[in-house]
Amino acid sequence: MSKENLSNIDKLWERIQSRKGSSSSESYTVQLLESGEKFCADKVLEEAQEVREAVKGKSKEDVAYESADLLYHLLVLWEALGISPNDVYDELKKRESTSGIKEKQGRSNS
């Protein structure tokens, strides 16, 4: 994966940030944010379901398309909750040397 691809998340984040001052009649992002955190979370769930359905159809193109929608809606949810990509990057960094199995076991014991 190239650094250019990784920066696409940051570019999308910047685009979402730039829309915040727009009118809801001009920006879908603003419409989502004005609908509130729960609505944004529901949209993430809806988009995840669309990814799941695309997987059933076994079309890589459809999975990629729906995944892009899911990422967009996830970033809008982050904005609604006051979370930045850097917050998520920091969490991923903490997990780099942790086995997923051990991490899950640690959660179930707490």
N, C-alpha and C. Protein backbone atom coordinates (compact mmCIF):
# COMPACT_ATOMS: atom_id res chain seq x y z
N MET A 1 0.86 -1.18 0.00
CA MET A 1 0.00 0.00 0.00
C MET A 1 0.91 1.24 0.00
N SER A 2 0.60 2.16 -0.85
CA SER A 2 1.42 3.35 -0.95
C SER A 2 0.99 4.40 0.08
N LYS A 3 1.93 5.28 0.40
CA LYS A 3 1.60 6.38 1.32
C LYS A 3 0.53 7.27 0.70
N GLU A 4 0.51 7.34 -0.63
CA GLU A 4 -0.52 8.14 -1.29
C GLU A 4 -1.91 7.60 -0.96
N ASN A 5 -2.07 6.28 -0.97
CA ASN A 5 -3.36 5.70 -0.62
C ASN A 5 -3.72 5.96 0.82
N LEU A 6 -2.74 5.85 1.72
CA LEU A 6 -3.02 6.13 3.12
C LEU A 6 -3.47 7.57 3.30
N SER A 7 -2.90 8.48 2.55
CA SER A 7 -3.28 9.88 2.70
C SER A 7 -4.67 10.17 2.15
N ASN A 8 -5.26 9.24 1.41
CA ASN A 8 -6.61 9.47 0.92
C ASN A 8 -7.60 9.60 2.06
N ILE A 9 -7.38 8.91 3.16
CA ILE A 9 -8.24 9.07 4.34
C ILE A 9 -8.11 10.50 4.85
N ASP A 10 -6.88 11.00 4.90
CA ASP A 10 -6.67 12.37 5.36
C ASP A 10 -7.28 13.38 4.39
N LYS A 11 -7.19 13.10 3.11
CA LYS A 11 -7.81 14.00 2.11
C LYS A 11 -9.33 14.02 2.28
N LEU A 12 -9.91 12.84 2.48
CA LEU A 12 -11.35 12.77 2.71
C LEU A 12 -11.72 13.52 3.98
N TRP A 13 -10.91 13.36 5.02
CA TRP A 13 -11.14 14.08 6.28
C TRP A 13 -11.13 15.59 6.05
N GLU A 14 -10.15 16.05 5.29
CA GLU A 14 -10.06 17.49 4.99
C GLU A 14 -11.29 17.96 4.22
N ARG A 15 -11.77 17.15 3.30
CA ARG A 15 -12.96 17.51 2.53
C ARG A 15 -14.18 17.61 3.45
N ILE A 16 -14.31 16.67 4.37
CA ILE A 16 -15.41 16.71 5.34
C ILE A 16 -15.30 17.97 6.19
N GLN A 17 -14.09 18.28 6.64
CA GLN A 17 -13.88 19.48 7.44
C GLN A 17 -14.25 20.74 6.67
N SER A 18 -13.92 20.77 5.38
CA SER A 18 -14.19 21.96 4.57
C SER A 18 -15.69 22.16 4.32
N ARG A 19 -16.46 21.11 4.43
CA ARG A 19 -17.90 21.21 4.19
C ARG A 19 -18.67 21.75 5.39
N LYS A 20 -18.07 21.73 6.56
CA LYS A 20 -18.79 22.10 7.78
C LYS A 20 -19.41 23.49 7.73
N GLY A 21 -18.81 24.40 7.02
CA GLY A 21 -19.35 25.75 6.94
C GLY A 21 -20.38 25.94 5.84
N SER A 22 -20.67 24.88 5.12
CA SER A 22 -21.60 24.97 3.99
C SER A 22 -23.05 24.89 4.46
N SER A 23 -23.93 25.20 3.55
CA SER A 23 -25.36 25.07 3.80
C SER A 23 -25.77 23.62 3.61
N SER A 24 -26.73 23.16 4.40
CA SER A 24 -27.20 21.78 4.25
C SER A 24 -27.87 21.56 2.91
N SER A 25 -28.33 22.62 2.27
CA SER A 25 -28.93 22.45 0.94
C SER A 25 -27.85 22.22 -0.12
N GLU A 26 -26.59 22.51 0.23
CA GLU A 26 -25.49 22.35 -0.71
C GLU A 26 -24.58 21.18 -0.37
N SER A 27 -24.70 20.62 0.84
CA SER A 27 -23.75 19.62 1.28
C SER A 27 -24.42 18.45 1.99
N TYR A 28 -24.22 17.28 1.42
CA TYR A 28 -24.72 16.05 2.05
C TYR A 28 -24.03 15.84 3.40
N THR A 29 -22.75 16.18 3.47
CA THR A 29 -22.01 16.05 4.72
C THR A 29 -22.67 16.87 5.82
N VAL A 30 -23.04 18.09 5.52
CA VAL A 30 -23.70 18.94 6.50
C VAL A 30 -25.06 18.36 6.88
N GLN A 31 -25.79 17.84 5.91
CA GLN A 31 -27.08 17.22 6.21
C GLN A 31 -26.89 16.08 7.22
N LEU A 32 -25.88 15.26 7.00
CA LEU A 32 -25.61 14.16 7.92
C LEU A 32 -25.27 14.68 9.31
N LEU A 33 -24.35 15.65 9.38
CA LEU A 33 -23.92 16.17 10.68
C LEU A 33 -25.08 16.83 11.42
N GLU A 34 -25.93 17.54 10.69
CA GLU A 34 -27.07 18.18 11.34
C GLU A 34 -28.11 17.17 11.81
N SER A 35 -28.07 15.96 11.26
CA SER A 35 -29.01 14.92 11.67
C SER A 35 -28.62 14.26 12.99
N GLY A 36 -27.39 14.49 13.42
CA GLY A 36 -26.96 14.01 14.73
C GLY A 36 -26.16 12.72 14.72
N GLU A 37 -25.57 12.45 15.88
CA GLU A 37 -24.67 11.30 16.04
C GLU A 37 -25.37 9.97 15.76
N LYS A 38 -26.56 9.79 16.29
CA LYS A 38 -27.27 8.52 16.10
C LYS A 38 -27.57 8.28 14.63
N PHE A 39 -28.01 9.31 13.94
CA PHE A 39 -28.30 9.17 12.52
C PHE A 39 -27.03 8.78 11.76
N CYS A 40 -25.91 9.45 12.10
CA CYS A 40 -24.63 9.14 11.46
C CYS A 40 -24.22 7.70 11.75
N ALA A 41 -24.41 7.25 12.98
CA ALA A 41 -24.08 5.87 13.34
C ALA A 41 -24.97 4.89 12.58
N ASP A 42 -26.24 5.23 12.44
CA ASP A 42 -27.15 4.38 11.68
C ASP A 42 -26.72 4.29 10.21
N LYS A 43 -26.21 5.38 9.65
CA LYS A 43 -25.73 5.38 8.27
C LYS A 43 -24.51 4.47 8.13
N VAL A 44 -23.62 4.46 9.14
CA VAL A 44 -22.46 3.56 9.10
C VAL A 44 -22.95 2.11 9.07
N LEU A 45 -23.91 1.80 9.91
CA LEU A 45 -24.47 0.45 9.94
C LEU A 45 -25.10 0.08 8.59
N GLU A 46 -25.84 1.01 8.02
CA GLU A 46 -26.46 0.79 6.70
C GLU A 46 -25.40 0.53 5.63
N GLU A 47 -24.35 1.33 5.65
CA GLU A 47 -23.29 1.17 4.64
C GLU A 47 -22.54 -0.14 4.86
N ALA A 48 -22.33 -0.54 6.11
CA ALA A 48 -21.67 -1.82 6.39
C ALA A 48 -22.51 -2.97 5.85
N GLN A 49 -23.82 -2.85 5.98
CA GLN A 49 -24.73 -3.87 5.43
C GLN A 49 -24.61 -3.92 3.91
N GLU A 50 -24.45 -2.77 3.29
CA GLU A 50 -24.29 -2.73 1.83
C GLU A 50 -22.98 -3.39 1.39
N VAL A 51 -21.93 -3.23 2.21
CA VAL A 51 -20.68 -3.94 1.92
C VAL A 51 -20.92 -5.44 2.01
N ARG A 52 -21.61 -5.86 3.05
CA ARG A 52 -21.92 -7.28 3.24
C ARG A 52 -22.69 -7.83 2.05
N GLU A 53 -23.66 -7.10 1.58
CA GLU A 53 -24.45 -7.54 0.42
C GLU A 53 -23.58 -7.62 -0.83
N ALA A 54 -22.66 -6.67 -0.99
CA ALA A 54 -21.77 -6.69 -2.15
C ALA A 54 -20.86 -7.91 -2.10
N VAL A 55 -20.45 -8.31 -0.90
CA VAL A 55 -19.63 -9.51 -0.75
C VAL A 55 -20.40 -10.74 -1.22
N LYS A 56 -21.67 -10.78 -0.90
CA LYS A 56 -22.50 -11.92 -1.33
C LYS A 56 -22.53 -12.01 -2.86
N GLY A 57 -22.51 -10.86 -3.52
CA GLY A 57 -22.52 -10.84 -4.98
C GLY A 57 -21.16 -11.13 -5.59
N LYS A 58 -20.13 -11.17 -4.76
CA LYS A 58 -18.76 -11.51 -5.17
C LYS A 58 -18.20 -10.57 -6.23
N SER A 59 -18.65 -9.34 -6.25
CA SER A 59 -18.11 -8.36 -7.19
C SER A 59 -17.11 -7.47 -6.45
N LYS A 60 -15.84 -7.59 -6.82
CA LYS A 60 -14.81 -6.77 -6.17
C LYS A 60 -15.09 -5.28 -6.36
N GLU A 61 -15.60 -4.93 -7.54
CA GLU A 61 -15.89 -3.53 -7.83
C GLU A 61 -16.98 -3.00 -6.91
N ASP A 62 -18.03 -3.82 -6.70
CA ASP A 62 -19.12 -3.39 -5.82
C ASP A 62 -18.64 -3.29 -4.37
N VAL A 63 -17.80 -4.24 -3.94
CA VAL A 63 -17.27 -4.19 -2.57
C VAL A 63 -16.42 -2.95 -2.39
N ALA A 64 -15.59 -2.63 -3.37
CA ALA A 64 -14.76 -1.42 -3.28
C ALA A 64 -15.63 -0.17 -3.24
N TYR A 65 -16.65 -0.12 -4.08
CA TYR A 65 -17.56 1.03 -4.13
C TYR A 65 -18.25 1.22 -2.78
N GLU A 66 -18.83 0.14 -2.27
CA GLU A 66 -19.55 0.23 -0.99
C GLU A 66 -18.60 0.50 0.17
N SER A 67 -17.37 -0.02 0.08
CA SER A 67 -16.37 0.25 1.12
C SER A 67 -16.01 1.73 1.17
N ALA A 68 -15.93 2.36 0.00
CA ALA A 68 -15.66 3.80 -0.03
C ALA A 68 -16.80 4.57 0.64
N ASP A 69 -18.04 4.15 0.38
CA ASP A 69 -19.18 4.79 1.06
C ASP A 69 -19.09 4.59 2.56
N LEU A 70 -18.73 3.38 2.98
CA LEU A 70 -18.62 3.09 4.41
C LEU A 70 -17.55 3.95 5.06
N LEU A 71 -16.40 4.08 4.42
CA LEU A 71 -15.33 4.92 4.99
C LEU A 71 -15.77 6.37 5.10
N TYR A 72 -16.43 6.88 4.07
CA TYR A 72 -16.92 8.26 4.12
C TYR A 72 -17.87 8.44 5.31
N HIS A 73 -18.85 7.56 5.45
CA HIS A 73 -19.82 7.71 6.54
C HIS A 73 -19.18 7.51 7.91
N LEU A 74 -18.16 6.65 7.99
CA LEU A 74 -17.44 6.47 9.24
C LEU A 74 -16.72 7.76 9.63
N LEU A 75 -16.08 8.41 8.65
CA LEU A 75 -15.40 9.67 8.95
C LEU A 75 -16.38 10.77 9.34
N VAL A 76 -17.55 10.79 8.73
CA VAL A 76 -18.56 11.77 9.13
C VAL A 76 -18.99 11.50 10.57
N LEU A 77 -19.15 10.22 10.92
CA LEU A 77 -19.48 9.88 12.31
C LEU A 77 -18.38 10.34 13.25
N TRP A 78 -17.12 10.13 12.88
CA TRP A 78 -16.02 10.61 13.72
C TRP A 78 -16.16 12.11 13.95
N GLU A 79 -16.43 12.85 12.89
CA GLU A 79 -16.60 14.30 13.01
C GLU A 79 -17.74 14.62 13.97
N ALA A 80 -18.84 13.93 13.84
CA ALA A 80 -19.99 14.18 14.70
C ALA A 80 -19.65 13.93 16.17
N LEU A 81 -18.75 13.00 16.41
CA LEU A 81 -18.37 12.64 17.78
C LEU A 81 -17.12 13.37 18.28
N GLY A 82 -16.50 14.17 17.42
CA GLY A 82 -15.29 14.88 17.83
C GLY A 82 -14.05 14.00 17.84
N ILE A 83 -14.05 12.97 17.01
CA ILE A 83 -12.90 12.07 16.88
C ILE A 83 -12.20 12.42 15.57
N SER A 84 -10.87 12.44 15.59
CA SER A 84 -10.12 12.72 14.37
C SER A 84 -9.43 11.45 13.88
N PRO A 85 -9.04 11.43 12.62
CA PRO A 85 -8.27 10.27 12.15
C PRO A 85 -7.02 10.04 13.01
N ASN A 86 -6.40 11.11 13.49
CA ASN A 86 -5.21 10.94 14.33
C ASN A 86 -5.53 10.16 15.60
N ASP A 87 -6.73 10.35 16.15
CA ASP A 87 -7.13 9.56 17.32
C ASP A 87 -7.14 8.08 16.98
N VAL A 88 -7.65 7.75 15.81
CA VAL A 88 -7.73 6.36 15.37
C VAL A 88 -6.34 5.84 15.02
N TYR A 89 -5.53 6.67 14.35
CA TYR A 89 -4.16 6.27 14.03
C TYR A 89 -3.38 5.97 15.31
N ASP A 90 -3.58 6.79 16.34
CA ASP A 90 -2.90 6.56 17.62
C ASP A 90 -3.31 5.23 18.23
N GLU A 91 -4.60 4.92 18.15
CA GLU A 91 -5.09 3.64 18.68
C GLU A 91 -4.50 2.48 17.89
N LEU A 92 -4.44 2.61 16.57
CA LEU A 92 -3.84 1.56 15.74
C LEU A 92 -2.37 1.37 16.08
N LYS A 93 -1.67 2.48 16.31
CA LYS A 93 -0.25 2.41 16.67
C LYS A 93 -0.06 1.63 17.97
N LYS A 94 -0.94 1.86 18.95
CA LYS A 94 -0.86 1.14 20.23
C LYS A 94 -1.01 -0.36 20.02
N ARG A 95 -1.76 -0.75 19.01
CA ARG A 95 -2.07 -2.16 18.78
C ARG A 95 -1.07 -2.88 17.89
N GLU A 96 -0.09 -2.16 17.35
CA GLU A 96 0.83 -2.75 16.38
C GLU A 96 1.51 -4.02 16.88
N SER A 97 1.91 -4.06 18.12
CA SER A 97 2.64 -5.23 18.62
C SER A 97 1.76 -6.15 19.46
N THR A 98 0.44 -5.97 19.37
CA THR A 98 -0.48 -6.78 20.16
C THR A 98 -1.23 -7.75 19.26
N SER A 99 -1.22 -9.00 19.64
CA SER A 99 -1.98 -10.00 18.92
C SER A 99 -3.46 -9.70 19.08
N GLY A 100 -4.21 -9.80 18.01
CA GLY A 100 -5.65 -9.58 18.08
C GLY A 100 -6.34 -10.53 19.03
N ILE A 101 -5.86 -11.76 19.07
CA ILE A 101 -6.44 -12.75 19.97
C ILE A 101 -6.19 -12.36 21.42
N LYS A 102 -4.94 -11.99 21.73
CA LYS A 102 -4.61 -11.59 23.11
C LYS A 102 -5.36 -10.31 23.49
N GLU A 103 -5.49 -9.38 22.56
CA GLU A 103 -6.20 -8.13 22.85
C GLU A 103 -7.64 -8.43 23.20
N LYS A 104 -8.29 -9.30 22.46
CA LYS A 104 -9.69 -9.65 22.73
C LYS A 104 -9.82 -10.39 24.06
N GLN A 105 -8.86 -11.27 24.35
CA GLN A 105 -8.89 -11.98 25.63
C GLN A 105 -8.75 -11.00 26.79
N GLY A 106 -7.92 -9.99 26.63
CA GLY A 106 -7.75 -8.97 27.66
C GLY A 106 -9.01 -8.20 27.92
N ARG A 107 -9.79 -7.96 26.87
CA ARG A 107 -11.06 -7.24 27.03
C ARG A 107 -12.08 -8.09 27.75
N SER A 108 -12.12 -9.37 27.48
CA SER A 108 -13.15 -10.22 28.09
C SER A 108 -12.86 -10.47 29.57
N ASN A 109 -11.61 -10.29 29.99
CA ASN A 109 -11.25 -10.48 31.39
C ASN A 109 -11.50 -9.25 32.24
N SER A 110 -11.74 -8.11 31.60
CA SER A 110 -11.92 -6.89 32.39
C SER A 110 -13.34 -6.62 32.71
